[in-house]
PDB file of N, CA and C in Angstrom:
ATOM      1  N   MET A   1     -19.769 -21.544  31.155  1.00  0.00           N
ATOM      2  CA  MET A   1     -18.422 -20.859  30.837  1.00  0.00           C
ATOM      3  C   MET A   1     -18.281 -22.057  29.437  1.00  0.00           C
ATOM      4  N   ASN A   2     -17.957 -21.852  28.602  1.00  0.00           N
ATOM      5  CA  ASN A   2     -17.783 -22.489  27.522  1.00  0.00           C
ATOM      6  C   ASN A   2     -15.973 -22.838  27.351  1.00  0.00           C
ATOM      7  N   ILE A   3     -15.233 -23.946  26.915  1.00  0.00           N
ATOM      8  CA  ILE A   3     -13.897 -23.988  26.741  1.00  0.00           C
ATOM      9  C   ILE A   3     -12.819 -22.788  26.322  1.00  0.00           C
ATOM     10  N   LYS A   4     -13.778 -22.549  25.514  1.00  0.00           N
ATOM     11  CA  LYS A   4     -12.833 -21.036  24.668  1.00  0.00           C
ATOM     12  C   LYS A   4     -12.899 -19.943  25.746  1.00  0.00           C
ATOM     13  N   LYS A   5     -13.407 -19.573  26.719  1.00  0.00           N
ATOM     14  CA  LYS A   5     -13.475 -18.273  27.356  1.00  0.00           C
ATOM     15  C   LYS A   5     -12.711 -18.965  28.516  1.00  0.00           C
ATOM     16  N   ALA A   6     -12.716 -19.728  28.881  1.00  0.00           N
ATOM     17  CA  ALA A   6     -11.854 -20.828  29.917  1.00  0.00           C
ATOM     18  C   ALA A   6     -10.581 -20.474  29.873  1.00  0.00           C
ATOM     19  N   ARG A   7     -10.014 -20.784  28.475  1.00  0.00           N
ATOM     20  CA  ARG A   7      -8.747 -21.207  27.771  1.00  0.00           C
ATOM     21  C   ARG A   7      -8.620 -19.587  27.634  1.00  0.00           C
ATOM     22  N   GLY A   8      -9.330 -18.604  27.038  1.00  0.00           N
ATOM     23  CA  GLY A   8      -8.696 -17.050  27.704  1.00  0.00           C
ATOM     24  C   GLY A   8      -8.015 -16.771  28.856  1.00  0.00           C
ATOM     25  N   ILE A   9      -9.393 -17.097  29.365  1.00  0.00           N
ATOM     26  CA  ILE A   9      -9.199 -16.357  31.457  1.00  0.00           C
ATOM     27  C   ILE A   9      -7.949 -17.466  31.315  1.00  0.00           C
ATOM     28  N   LEU A  10      -7.517 -18.018  31.536  1.00  0.00           N
ATOM     29  CA  LEU A  10      -5.876 -19.676  31.410  1.00  0.00           C
ATOM     30  C   LEU A  10      -4.925 -18.160  31.204  1.00  0.00           C
ATOM     31  N   GLY A  11      -4.996 -18.291  29.572  1.00  0.00           N
ATOM     32  CA  GLY A  11      -4.057 -17.266  28.824  1.00  0.00           C
ATOM     33  C   GLY A  11      -3.413 -16.502  29.650  1.00  0.00           C
ATOM     34  N   LEU A  12      -4.944 -14.864  30.140  1.00  0.00           N
ATOM     35  CA  LEU A  12      -4.453 -14.226  30.508  1.00  0.00           C
ATOM     36  C   LEU A  12      -3.686 -14.244  32.052  1.00  0.00           C
ATOM     37  N   ALA A  13      -4.619 -15.538  32.802  1.00  0.00           N
ATOM     38  CA  ALA A  13      -3.526 -15.490  34.125  1.00  0.00           C
ATOM     39  C   ALA A  13      -2.611 -16.048  33.671  1.00  0.00           C
ATOM     40  N   GLY A  14      -2.041 -16.580  32.906  1.00  0.00           N
ATOM     41  CA  GLY A  14      -0.252 -17.036  32.605  1.00  0.00           C
ATOM     42  C   GLY A  14       0.127 -15.989  32.719  1.00  0.00           C
ATOM     43  N   ALA A  15      -0.048 -14.919  31.597  1.00  0.00           N
ATOM     44  CA  ALA A  15       0.510 -13.910  31.167  1.00  0.00           C
ATOM     45  C   ALA A  15       1.008 -12.744  32.327  1.00  0.00           C
ATOM     46  N   VAL A  16      -0.485 -12.540  32.781  1.00  0.00           N
ATOM     47  CA  VAL A  16      -0.301 -11.890  33.994  1.00  0.00           C
ATOM     48  C   VAL A  16       0.897 -12.077  35.168  1.00  0.00           C
ATOM     49  N   ALA A  17       0.974 -13.541  35.086  1.00  0.00           N
ATOM     50  CA  ALA A  17       2.315 -14.534  35.957  1.00  0.00           C
ATOM     51  C   ALA A  17       3.756 -14.335  35.364  1.00  0.00           C
ATOM     52  N   GLY A  18       3.649 -14.285  34.279  1.00  0.00           N
ATOM     53  CA  GLY A  18       4.705 -14.216  32.912  1.00  0.00           C
ATOM     54  C   GLY A  18       5.136 -12.729  33.393  1.00  0.00           C
ATOM     55  N   ALA A  19       4.099 -11.618  33.474  1.00  0.00           N
ATOM     56  CA  ALA A  19       4.672 -10.286  33.318  1.00  0.00           C
ATOM     57  C   ALA A  19       5.466  -9.730  34.891  1.00  0.00           C
ATOM     58  N   ALA A  20       4.325 -10.335  35.465  1.00  0.00           N
ATOM     59  CA  ALA A  20       4.876 -10.586  37.310  1.00  0.00           C
ATOM     60  C   ALA A  20       6.200 -10.757  37.284  1.00  0.00           C
ATOM     61  N   GLY A  21       6.798 -11.892  37.082  1.00  0.00           N
ATOM     62  CA  GLY A  21       8.426 -12.574  36.979  1.00  0.00           C
ATOM     63  C   GLY A  21       9.903 -11.522  36.098  1.00  0.00           C
ATOM     64  N   ALA A  22       8.700 -11.284  35.093  1.00  0.00           N
ATOM     65  CA  ALA A  22       9.612 -10.918  34.320  1.00  0.00           C
ATOM     66  C   ALA A  22      10.297  -9.098  34.912  1.00  0.00           C
ATOM     67  N   PHE A  23       8.853  -8.860  35.491  1.00  0.00           N
ATOM     68  CA  PHE A  23       9.553  -7.046  36.567  1.00  0.00           C
ATOM     69  C   PHE A  23       9.741  -7.430  37.567  1.00  0.00           C
ATOM     70  N   SER A  24      10.131  -8.604  38.151  1.00  0.00           N
ATOM     71  CA  SER A  24      11.122  -8.337  39.048  1.00  0.00           C
ATOM     72  C   SER A  24      12.280  -9.117  38.491  1.00  0.00           C
ATOM     73  N   GLY A  25      12.708  -9.975  37.169  1.00  0.00           N
ATOM     74  CA  GLY A  25      13.885  -9.795  36.951  1.00  0.00           C
ATOM     75  C   GLY A  25      14.329  -8.806  36.210  1.00  0.00           C
ATOM     76  N   PHE A  26      13.526  -7.584  35.391  1.00  0.00           N
ATOM     77  CA  PHE A  26      14.223  -6.287  35.270  1.00  0.00           C
ATOM     78  C   PHE A  26      14.487  -5.623  36.611  1.00  0.00           C
ATOM     79  N   ARG A  27      13.737  -5.379  37.345  1.00  0.00           N
ATOM     80  CA  ARG A  27      14.417  -5.198  38.739  1.00  0.00           C
ATOM     81  C   ARG A  27      15.753  -5.411  38.880  1.00  0.00           C
ATOM     82  N   ASN A  28      15.831  -6.539  39.192  1.00  0.00           N
ATOM     83  CA  ASN A  28      16.866  -7.175  39.489  1.00  0.00           C
ATOM     84  C   ASN A  28      18.003  -7.168  38.719  1.00  0.00           C
ATOM     85  N   ALA A  29      17.636  -7.244  37.281  1.00  0.00           N
ATOM     86  CA  ALA A  29      19.100  -6.993  36.241  1.00  0.00           C
ATOM     87  C   ALA A  29      19.573  -5.380  36.273  1.00  0.00           C
ATOM     88  N   ARG A  30      18.566  -4.272  36.655  1.00  0.00           N
ATOM     89  CA  ARG A  30      18.759  -3.319  36.698  1.00  0.00           C
ATOM     90  C   ARG A  30      20.006  -2.958  37.636  1.00  0.00           C
ATOM     91  N   ALA A  31      19.152  -2.978  39.218  1.00  0.00           N
ATOM     92  CA  ALA A  31      19.955  -3.209  40.465  1.00  0.00           C
ATOM     93  C   ALA A  31      20.869  -4.057  39.690  1.00  0.00           C
ATOM     94  N   LYS A  32      21.980  -4.960  39.499  1.00  0.00           N
ATOM     95  CA  LYS A  32      23.051  -5.241  39.667  1.00  0.00           C
ATOM     96  C   LYS A  32      23.754  -4.926  38.162  1.00  0.00           C
ATOM     97  N   ASN A  33      23.059  -3.735  37.139  1.00  0.00           N
ATOM     98  CA  ASN A  33      23.719  -3.214  36.125  1.00  0.00           C
ATOM     99  C   ASN A  33      23.969  -4.601  35.037  1.00  0.00           C
ATOM    100  N   ASP A  34      23.352  -5.605  34.677  1.00  0.00           N
ATOM    101  CA  ASP A  34      23.326  -6.301  34.294  1.00  0.00           C
ATOM    102  C   ASP A  34      23.132  -6.613  32.564  1.00  0.00           C
ATOM    103  N   LYS A  35      23.580  -6.253  32.240  1.00  0.00           N
ATOM    104  CA  LYS A  35      22.880  -5.799  30.607  1.00  0.00           C
ATOM    105  C   LYS A  35      22.323  -6.849  29.432  1.00  0.00           C
ATOM    106  N   LEU A  36      23.344  -7.904  29.968  1.00  0.00           N
ATOM    107  CA  LEU A  36      22.064  -9.314  29.130  1.00  0.00           C
ATOM    108  C   LEU A  36      21.447  -9.769  30.105  1.00  0.00           C
ATOM    109  N   ALA A  37      21.012  -9.804  31.284  1.00  0.00           N
ATOM    110  CA  ALA A  37      19.512 -10.156  31.910  1.00  0.00           C
ATOM    111  C   ALA A  37      18.467  -9.028  31.944  1.00  0.00           C
ATOM    112  N   LEU A  38      18.623  -7.536  31.590  1.00  0.00           N
ATOM    113  CA  LEU A  38      18.019  -6.662  31.324  1.00  0.00           C
ATOM    114  C   LEU A  38      17.750  -7.365  30.064  1.00  0.00           C
ATOM    115  N   ALA A  39      18.149  -7.588  28.984  1.00  0.00           N
ATOM    116  CA  ALA A  39      17.717  -7.446  27.815  1.00  0.00           C
ATOM    117  C   ALA A  39      16.768  -8.941  28.092  1.00  0.00           C
ATOM    118  N   ASN A  40      17.440 -10.213  28.312  1.00  0.00           N
ATOM    119  CA  ASN A  40      16.219 -10.945  28.819  1.00  0.00           C
ATOM    120  C   ASN A  40      15.032 -10.551  29.408  1.00  0.00           C
ATOM    121  N   ALA A  41      15.084  -9.575  30.354  1.00  0.00           N
ATOM    122  CA  ALA A  41      14.168  -9.174  31.023  1.00  0.00           C
ATOM    123  C   ALA A  41      12.970  -8.133  30.555  1.00  0.00           C
ATOM    124  N   ILE A  42      13.372  -7.927  29.215  1.00  0.00           N
ATOM    125  CA  ILE A  42      12.653  -6.693  28.310  1.00  0.00           C
ATOM    126  C   ILE A  42      11.763  -7.745  27.251  1.00  0.00           C
ATOM    127  N   ALA A  43      12.702  -8.897  26.582  1.00  0.00           N
ATOM    128  CA  ALA A  43      12.310  -9.763  26.417  1.00  0.00           C
ATOM    129  C   ALA A  43      11.063 -11.062  26.340  1.00  0.00           C
ATOM    130  N   SER A  44      11.074 -11.006  27.879  1.00  0.00           N
ATOM    131  CA  SER A  44      10.064 -11.395  28.556  1.00  0.00           C
ATOM    132  C   SER A  44       8.927 -10.734  28.654  1.00  0.00           C
ATOM    133  N   ILE A  45       9.032  -9.786  29.408  1.00  0.00           N
ATOM    134  CA  ILE A  45       7.746  -8.100  29.133  1.00  0.00           C
ATOM    135  C   ILE A  45       7.064  -8.811  27.799  1.00  0.00           C
ATOM    136  N   VAL A  46       7.572  -8.425  26.676  1.00  0.00           N
ATOM    137  CA  VAL A  46       7.605  -7.888  25.338  1.00  0.00           C
ATOM    138  C   VAL A  46       6.626  -8.977  25.131  1.00  0.00           C
ATOM    139  N   VAL A  47       7.358 -10.763  25.853  1.00  0.00           N
ATOM    140  CA  VAL A  47       6.498 -12.081  25.579  1.00  0.00           C
ATOM    141  C   VAL A  47       4.931 -12.035  26.276  1.00  0.00           C
ATOM    142  N   ALA A  48       5.091 -11.858  27.708  1.00  0.00           N
ATOM    143  CA  ALA A  48       4.278 -11.556  28.470  1.00  0.00           C
ATOM    144  C   ALA A  48       2.895 -10.855  27.915  1.00  0.00           C
ATOM    145  N   LEU A  49       3.478  -9.550  27.742  1.00  0.00           N
ATOM    146  CA  LEU A  49       2.386  -8.420  26.958  1.00  0.00           C
ATOM    147  C   LEU A  49       1.615  -8.877  25.443  1.00  0.00           C
ATOM    148  N   THR A  50       2.330  -9.630  24.523  1.00  0.00           N
ATOM    149  CA  THR A  50       1.579 -10.343  23.361  1.00  0.00           C
ATOM    150  C   THR A  50       1.146 -11.637  23.946  1.00  0.00           C
ATOM    151  N   GLY A  51       1.505 -12.200  24.653  1.00  0.00           N
ATOM    152  CA  GLY A  51       0.204 -13.485  25.498  1.00  0.00           C
ATOM    153  C   GLY A  51      -0.926 -12.898  26.453  1.00  0.00           C
ATOM    154  N   ALA A  52      -1.028 -11.569  26.894  1.00  0.00           N
ATOM    155  CA  ALA A  52      -1.895 -11.108  27.049  1.00  0.00           C
ATOM    156  C   ALA A  52      -3.034 -11.089  25.952  1.00  0.00           C
ATOM    157  N   ALA A  53      -2.259 -10.301  25.319  1.00  0.00           N
ATOM    158  CA  ALA A  53      -3.280  -9.165  24.194  1.00  0.00           C
ATOM    159  C   ALA A  53      -4.093 -10.599  23.124  1.00  0.00           C
ATOM    160  N   LEU A  54      -3.478 -11.687  22.511  1.00  0.00           N
ATOM    161  CA  LEU A  54      -3.876 -13.010  21.811  1.00  0.00           C
ATOM    162  C   LEU A  54      -4.941 -13.165  23.054  1.00  0.00           C
ATOM    163  N   ALA A  55      -4.770 -13.529  24.832  1.00  0.00           N
ATOM    164  CA  ALA A  55      -5.792 -13.586  25.467  1.00  0.00           C
ATOM    165  C   ALA A  55      -7.263 -12.925  25.594  1.00  0.00           C
ATOM    166  N   VAL A  56      -6.674 -11.741  24.996  1.00  0.00           N
ATOM    167  CA  VAL A  56      -7.717 -10.333  25.609  1.00  0.00           C
ATOM    168  C   VAL A  56      -8.722 -10.483  24.140  1.00  0.00           C
ATOM    169  N   ARG A  57      -7.658 -10.655  23.027  1.00  0.00           N
ATOM    170  CA  ARG A  57      -8.830 -10.254  21.390  1.00  0.00           C
ATOM    171  C   ARG A  57      -9.406 -12.373  21.582  1.00  0.00           C
ATOM    172  N   ALA A  58      -9.019 -13.336  22.354  1.00  0.00           N
ATOM    173  CA  ALA A  58      -9.413 -14.933  22.044  1.00  0.00           C
ATOM    174  C   ALA A  58     -10.879 -14.802  23.360  1.00  0.00           C
ATOM    175  N   LEU A  59     -10.897 -13.842  23.888  1.00  0.00           N
ATOM    176  CA  LEU A  59     -12.022 -13.781  24.765  1.00  0.00           C
ATOM    177  C   LEU A  59     -13.255 -12.621  24.129  1.00  0.00           C
ATOM    178  N   ARG A  60     -12.476 -11.788  23.401  1.00  0.00           N
ATOM    179  CA  ARG A  60     -13.746 -10.850  22.852  1.00  0.00           C
ATOM    180  C   ARG A  60     -13.967 -11.538  21.790  1.00  0.00           C
ATOM    181  N   LYS A  61     -13.703 -12.259  20.897  1.00  0.00           N
ATOM    182  CA  LYS A  61     -13.480 -12.856  20.051  1.00  0.00           C
ATOM    183  C   LYS A  61     -14.972 -14.044  20.311  1.00  0.00           C
ATOM    184  N   ASP A  62     -14.836 -14.646  21.374  1.00  0.00           N
ATOM    185  CA  ASP A  62     -15.801 -15.012  22.194  1.00  0.00           C
ATOM    186  C   ASP A  62     -16.808 -14.758  22.440  1.00  0.00           C
ATOM    187  N   ASP A  63     -16.872 -13.275  22.864  1.00  0.00           N
ATOM    188  CA  ASP A  63     -18.122 -12.648  23.187  1.00  0.00           C
ATOM    189  C   ASP A  63     -19.125 -12.071  21.812  1.00  0.00           C
ATOM    190  N   LEU A  64     -18.152 -11.591  20.564  1.00  0.00           N
ATOM    191  CA  LEU A  64     -19.118 -11.218  20.105  1.00  0.00           C
ATOM    192  C   LEU A  64     -19.508 -12.166  18.968  1.00  0.00           C
ATOM    193  N   ALA A  65     -19.136 -13.289  19.175  1.00  0.00           N
ATOM    194  CA  ALA A  65     -19.532 -15.026  18.423  1.00  0.00           C
ATOM    195  C   ALA A  65     -21.272 -14.723  18.991  1.00  0.00           C
TER     196      ALA A  65
END
């Protein structure tokens, strides 16, 4: 396994962990009806999805090269 592939896999794992935390925050914010926490959770979910997309793209580029 090369360094780029390992970096991509770690990036994907980090994005999954971030998404899990973001969804937990989302559930808590909805339960408490806290609009500011809800906005923060939604932004965190978007960040996690973007990170996952970047990691997947890096893994695909490595496979094609």
